[in-house]
N, C-alpha and C. Protein backbone atom coordinates (compact mmCIF):
# COMPACT_ATOMS: atom_id res chain seq x y z
N MET A 1 17.86 15.28 -14.87
CA MET A 1 17.70 14.03 -15.58
C MET A 1 16.68 13.17 -14.83
N PRO A 2 15.68 12.65 -15.52
CA PRO A 2 14.65 11.85 -14.85
C PRO A 2 15.20 10.50 -14.38
N LEU A 3 14.57 9.99 -13.32
CA LEU A 3 14.97 8.68 -12.80
C LEU A 3 14.54 7.59 -13.77
N ARG A 4 15.39 6.62 -13.93
CA ARG A 4 15.08 5.52 -14.83
C ARG A 4 14.73 4.28 -14.02
N ARG A 5 13.77 3.58 -14.53
CA ARG A 5 13.39 2.33 -13.87
C ARG A 5 14.10 1.18 -14.54
N ARG A 6 14.27 0.14 -13.78
CA ARG A 6 14.89 -1.07 -14.34
C ARG A 6 13.96 -1.67 -15.37
N ARG A 7 14.56 -2.35 -16.31
CA ARG A 7 13.75 -3.04 -17.31
C ARG A 7 12.98 -4.17 -16.63
N GLY A 8 11.75 -4.32 -17.05
CA GLY A 8 10.94 -5.39 -16.50
C GLY A 8 10.26 -4.99 -15.21
N SER A 9 10.62 -3.86 -14.65
CA SER A 9 9.99 -3.40 -13.43
C SER A 9 8.72 -2.65 -13.77
N SER A 10 7.61 -3.14 -13.31
CA SER A 10 6.35 -2.52 -13.65
C SER A 10 6.02 -1.38 -12.69
N GLY A 11 6.82 -1.20 -11.65
CA GLY A 11 6.56 -0.14 -10.71
C GLY A 11 5.55 -0.52 -9.65
N ARG A 12 5.09 -1.74 -9.67
CA ARG A 12 4.11 -2.19 -8.68
C ARG A 12 4.83 -2.63 -7.43
N ARG A 13 4.32 -2.18 -6.30
CA ARG A 13 4.89 -2.56 -5.02
C ARG A 13 3.78 -3.11 -4.14
N SER A 14 4.12 -4.04 -3.30
CA SER A 14 3.12 -4.61 -2.41
C SER A 14 2.69 -3.59 -1.37
N ARG A 15 1.55 -3.84 -0.76
CA ARG A 15 1.08 -2.93 0.29
C ARG A 15 2.04 -2.93 1.47
N THR A 16 2.66 -4.06 1.72
CA THR A 16 3.65 -4.16 2.80
C THR A 16 4.84 -3.26 2.50
N ALA A 17 5.32 -3.28 1.27
CA ALA A 17 6.45 -2.43 0.89
C ALA A 17 6.08 -0.96 0.91
N ARG A 18 4.88 -0.63 0.42
CA ARG A 18 4.46 0.77 0.42
C ARG A 18 4.33 1.31 1.83
N ALA A 19 3.88 0.48 2.77
CA ALA A 19 3.74 0.90 4.16
C ALA A 19 5.06 0.79 4.92
N GLU A 20 6.08 0.26 4.26
CA GLU A 20 7.41 0.07 4.87
C GLU A 20 7.33 -0.77 6.14
N LEU A 21 6.61 -1.89 6.03
CA LEU A 21 6.44 -2.80 7.16
C LEU A 21 7.15 -4.12 6.89
N SER A 22 7.37 -4.87 7.96
CA SER A 22 7.93 -6.21 7.84
C SER A 22 6.83 -7.26 7.91
N PHE A 23 5.75 -6.95 8.61
CA PHE A 23 4.64 -7.87 8.74
C PHE A 23 3.76 -7.75 7.49
N SER A 24 3.33 -8.87 6.96
CA SER A 24 2.58 -8.91 5.71
C SER A 24 1.18 -8.34 5.86
N VAL A 25 0.88 -7.32 5.05
CA VAL A 25 -0.44 -6.71 5.06
C VAL A 25 -1.46 -7.68 4.46
N SER A 26 -1.10 -8.39 3.42
CA SER A 26 -2.01 -9.35 2.79
C SER A 26 -2.38 -10.47 3.75
N HIS A 27 -1.41 -10.91 4.54
CA HIS A 27 -1.68 -11.97 5.52
C HIS A 27 -2.64 -11.46 6.59
N MET A 28 -2.46 -10.22 7.03
CA MET A 28 -3.38 -9.64 8.03
C MET A 28 -4.78 -9.54 7.45
N GLU A 29 -4.88 -9.14 6.19
CA GLU A 29 -6.20 -9.03 5.57
C GLU A 29 -6.88 -10.39 5.49
N ARG A 30 -6.11 -11.41 5.11
CA ARG A 30 -6.68 -12.76 5.04
C ARG A 30 -7.19 -13.22 6.39
N LEU A 31 -6.39 -12.97 7.44
CA LEU A 31 -6.81 -13.37 8.79
C LEU A 31 -8.06 -12.62 9.24
N LEU A 32 -8.13 -11.34 8.93
CA LEU A 32 -9.31 -10.56 9.30
C LEU A 32 -10.55 -11.05 8.56
N ARG A 33 -10.39 -11.35 7.28
CA ARG A 33 -11.54 -11.83 6.50
C ARG A 33 -11.99 -13.23 6.95
N GLU A 34 -11.03 -14.11 7.17
CA GLU A 34 -11.39 -15.48 7.57
C GLU A 34 -11.94 -15.53 8.98
N GLY A 35 -11.58 -14.56 9.82
CA GLY A 35 -12.08 -14.54 11.19
C GLY A 35 -13.49 -14.01 11.31
N HIS A 36 -14.02 -13.45 10.23
CA HIS A 36 -15.39 -12.90 10.23
C HIS A 36 -15.61 -11.93 11.38
N TYR A 37 -14.68 -10.99 11.57
CA TYR A 37 -14.79 -10.02 12.65
C TYR A 37 -15.76 -8.90 12.29
N ALA A 38 -15.97 -8.66 11.01
CA ALA A 38 -16.91 -7.64 10.55
C ALA A 38 -17.38 -8.02 9.15
N ARG A 39 -18.56 -7.49 8.78
CA ARG A 39 -19.06 -7.79 7.45
C ARG A 39 -18.27 -7.05 6.38
N ARG A 40 -17.81 -5.85 6.72
CA ARG A 40 -17.03 -5.06 5.76
C ARG A 40 -15.68 -4.74 6.37
N LEU A 41 -14.69 -4.58 5.51
CA LEU A 41 -13.33 -4.35 5.96
C LEU A 41 -12.73 -3.17 5.21
N SER A 42 -12.28 -2.19 5.94
CA SER A 42 -11.64 -1.02 5.34
C SER A 42 -10.31 -1.44 4.71
N PRO A 43 -9.92 -0.80 3.63
CA PRO A 43 -8.62 -1.12 3.01
C PRO A 43 -7.43 -0.81 3.92
N SER A 44 -7.61 0.13 4.85
CA SER A 44 -6.51 0.50 5.73
C SER A 44 -6.43 -0.36 6.99
N ALA A 45 -7.46 -1.13 7.28
CA ALA A 45 -7.48 -1.94 8.51
C ALA A 45 -6.33 -2.94 8.58
N PRO A 46 -6.06 -3.74 7.55
CA PRO A 46 -4.94 -4.68 7.65
C PRO A 46 -3.58 -3.99 7.74
N VAL A 47 -3.46 -2.81 7.13
CA VAL A 47 -2.21 -2.05 7.21
C VAL A 47 -1.99 -1.61 8.65
N TYR A 48 -3.04 -1.08 9.26
CA TYR A 48 -2.98 -0.61 10.65
C TYR A 48 -2.66 -1.77 11.59
N LEU A 49 -3.32 -2.91 11.39
CA LEU A 49 -3.09 -4.08 12.24
C LEU A 49 -1.66 -4.58 12.10
N ALA A 50 -1.14 -4.63 10.88
CA ALA A 50 0.24 -5.08 10.67
C ALA A 50 1.22 -4.13 11.35
N ALA A 51 0.95 -2.83 11.27
CA ALA A 51 1.83 -1.84 11.91
C ALA A 51 1.81 -1.98 13.43
N ILE A 52 0.64 -2.20 14.00
CA ILE A 52 0.53 -2.37 15.45
C ILE A 52 1.26 -3.62 15.90
N LEU A 53 1.06 -4.72 15.20
CA LEU A 53 1.72 -5.97 15.58
C LEU A 53 3.24 -5.86 15.44
N GLN A 54 3.70 -5.17 14.41
CA GLN A 54 5.13 -4.97 14.23
C GLN A 54 5.70 -4.12 15.36
N TYR A 55 4.98 -3.06 15.75
CA TYR A 55 5.44 -2.21 16.84
C TYR A 55 5.50 -2.97 18.16
N LEU A 56 4.45 -3.72 18.47
CA LEU A 56 4.43 -4.48 19.72
C LEU A 56 5.53 -5.53 19.76
N THR A 57 5.77 -6.21 18.64
CA THR A 57 6.84 -7.20 18.57
C THR A 57 8.19 -6.56 18.80
N ALA A 58 8.42 -5.41 18.16
CA ALA A 58 9.69 -4.71 18.33
C ALA A 58 9.89 -4.26 19.77
N LYS A 59 8.82 -3.78 20.40
CA LYS A 59 8.90 -3.31 21.79
C LYS A 59 9.21 -4.47 22.74
N VAL A 60 8.53 -5.58 22.57
CA VAL A 60 8.76 -6.74 23.43
C VAL A 60 10.19 -7.26 23.24
N LEU A 61 10.66 -7.33 22.00
CA LEU A 61 12.03 -7.80 21.76
C LEU A 61 13.07 -6.83 22.30
N GLU A 62 12.79 -5.54 22.21
CA GLU A 62 13.70 -4.54 22.78
C GLU A 62 13.81 -4.72 24.30
N LEU A 63 12.67 -4.87 24.96
CA LEU A 63 12.68 -5.04 26.42
C LEU A 63 13.33 -6.36 26.81
N ALA A 64 13.08 -7.42 26.04
CA ALA A 64 13.71 -8.72 26.33
C ALA A 64 15.21 -8.65 26.11
N GLY A 65 15.65 -7.91 25.11
CA GLY A 65 17.08 -7.71 24.89
C GLY A 65 17.73 -6.96 26.03
N ASP A 66 17.02 -5.96 26.58
CA ASP A 66 17.52 -5.24 27.75
C ASP A 66 17.63 -6.18 28.96
N GLU A 67 16.63 -7.04 29.12
CA GLU A 67 16.67 -8.03 30.22
C GLU A 67 17.84 -8.98 30.04
N ALA A 68 18.09 -9.41 28.81
CA ALA A 68 19.21 -10.31 28.54
C ALA A 68 20.54 -9.62 28.86
N ARG A 69 20.66 -8.37 28.47
CA ARG A 69 21.88 -7.62 28.76
C ARG A 69 22.07 -7.46 30.27
N ASN A 70 20.98 -7.16 30.98
CA ASN A 70 21.06 -7.00 32.44
C ASN A 70 21.40 -8.30 33.14
N ALA A 71 20.97 -9.42 32.57
CA ALA A 71 21.25 -10.73 33.15
C ALA A 71 22.63 -11.24 32.76
N GLY A 72 23.32 -10.52 31.88
CA GLY A 72 24.65 -10.93 31.46
C GLY A 72 24.65 -11.95 30.36
N GLY A 73 23.50 -12.18 29.73
CA GLY A 73 23.44 -13.15 28.65
C GLY A 73 23.48 -12.49 27.30
N GLN A 74 23.56 -13.31 26.27
CA GLN A 74 23.59 -12.79 24.91
C GLN A 74 22.39 -13.25 24.10
N SER A 75 21.58 -14.12 24.67
CA SER A 75 20.43 -14.66 23.96
C SER A 75 19.13 -14.25 24.64
N ILE A 76 18.10 -14.08 23.83
CA ILE A 76 16.77 -13.81 24.36
C ILE A 76 16.08 -15.16 24.51
N THR A 77 15.68 -15.47 25.72
CA THR A 77 15.00 -16.74 26.01
C THR A 77 13.54 -16.46 26.32
N PRO A 78 12.68 -17.48 26.30
CA PRO A 78 11.28 -17.28 26.66
C PRO A 78 11.12 -16.70 28.08
N GLU A 79 12.01 -17.09 28.98
CA GLU A 79 11.94 -16.56 30.34
C GLU A 79 12.19 -15.06 30.36
N LEU A 80 13.13 -14.59 29.55
CA LEU A 80 13.43 -13.17 29.48
C LEU A 80 12.29 -12.39 28.84
N VAL A 81 11.65 -12.98 27.84
CA VAL A 81 10.48 -12.33 27.23
C VAL A 81 9.38 -12.20 28.26
N ASP A 82 9.14 -13.26 29.02
CA ASP A 82 8.12 -13.24 30.06
C ASP A 82 8.44 -12.18 31.11
N ARG A 83 9.67 -12.12 31.54
CA ARG A 83 10.08 -11.13 32.54
C ARG A 83 9.93 -9.72 32.01
N ALA A 84 10.31 -9.50 30.76
CA ALA A 84 10.20 -8.17 30.15
C ALA A 84 8.74 -7.73 30.07
N VAL A 85 7.86 -8.64 29.66
CA VAL A 85 6.44 -8.29 29.55
C VAL A 85 5.85 -8.00 30.92
N HIS A 86 6.17 -8.82 31.90
CA HIS A 86 5.58 -8.64 33.23
C HIS A 86 6.17 -7.45 33.98
N ASN A 87 7.35 -6.99 33.63
CA ASN A 87 7.94 -5.83 34.29
C ASN A 87 7.49 -4.51 33.67
N HIS A 88 6.83 -4.55 32.53
CA HIS A 88 6.34 -3.34 31.87
C HIS A 88 4.86 -3.20 32.19
N VAL A 89 4.46 -2.05 32.73
CA VAL A 89 3.10 -1.86 33.21
C VAL A 89 2.06 -2.06 32.11
N LEU A 90 2.22 -1.40 30.97
CA LEU A 90 1.22 -1.49 29.91
C LEU A 90 1.20 -2.86 29.24
N LEU A 91 2.38 -3.41 28.99
CA LEU A 91 2.43 -4.73 28.36
C LEU A 91 1.91 -5.81 29.30
N SER A 92 2.16 -5.64 30.58
CA SER A 92 1.65 -6.60 31.56
C SER A 92 0.13 -6.62 31.55
N ALA A 93 -0.48 -5.44 31.45
CA ALA A 93 -1.94 -5.37 31.38
C ALA A 93 -2.45 -5.97 30.07
N LEU A 94 -1.75 -5.69 28.97
CA LEU A 94 -2.18 -6.19 27.66
C LEU A 94 -2.07 -7.71 27.58
N PHE A 95 -0.95 -8.26 28.07
CA PHE A 95 -0.71 -9.70 27.99
C PHE A 95 -0.99 -10.40 29.32
N GLY A 96 -1.84 -9.83 30.14
CA GLY A 96 -2.10 -10.36 31.48
C GLY A 96 -2.50 -11.83 31.51
N MET A 97 -3.35 -12.24 30.60
CA MET A 97 -3.85 -13.61 30.58
C MET A 97 -3.12 -14.49 29.56
N ALA A 98 -2.10 -13.97 28.92
CA ALA A 98 -1.37 -14.73 27.90
C ALA A 98 -0.38 -15.70 28.54
N THR A 99 -0.16 -16.80 27.88
CA THR A 99 0.83 -17.77 28.32
C THR A 99 1.97 -17.78 27.31
N ILE A 100 3.18 -17.59 27.80
CA ILE A 100 4.34 -17.65 26.93
C ILE A 100 4.90 -19.06 27.03
N SER A 101 5.04 -19.71 25.88
CA SER A 101 5.45 -21.10 25.82
C SER A 101 6.74 -21.35 26.59
N GLN A 102 6.81 -22.48 27.25
CA GLN A 102 8.00 -22.95 27.99
C GLN A 102 8.28 -22.12 29.22
N VAL A 103 7.34 -21.32 29.69
CA VAL A 103 7.57 -20.50 30.87
C VAL A 103 6.45 -20.76 31.86
N ALA A 104 6.84 -21.01 33.11
CA ALA A 104 5.84 -21.18 34.16
C ALA A 104 5.18 -19.82 34.42
N PRO A 105 3.91 -19.81 34.84
CA PRO A 105 3.25 -18.53 35.12
C PRO A 105 4.04 -17.71 36.16
N ALA A 106 4.11 -16.42 35.92
CA ALA A 106 4.87 -15.54 36.81
C ALA A 106 4.18 -15.45 38.17
N ARG A 107 4.99 -15.47 39.21
CA ARG A 107 4.46 -15.31 40.57
C ARG A 107 4.40 -13.85 40.90
N ARG A 108 3.29 -13.45 41.50
CA ARG A 108 3.15 -12.05 41.88
C ARG A 108 2.87 -11.92 43.34
């Protein structure tokens, strides 16, 4: 028996839904176009950027959650995010010059 679609459903899905992402692909495309980073933009570029940003966000939150658990807390605070980023070799290099709001610069 063939699958039936709901009435009124045109079958159109957003690029974000098709890519199964949480970060908006259309928003990434708008930011790329308004930033004038290149004269031409591939259709897959905003999808790739949204996927990368979603992955990095999930990784940072996972590490911050681990830090919160190790500290005996239940909440992720800016200090824990900062500690998680600075304790991870690759993220520390990536966010080396970044400032996390409400956190004093890490001492090394």
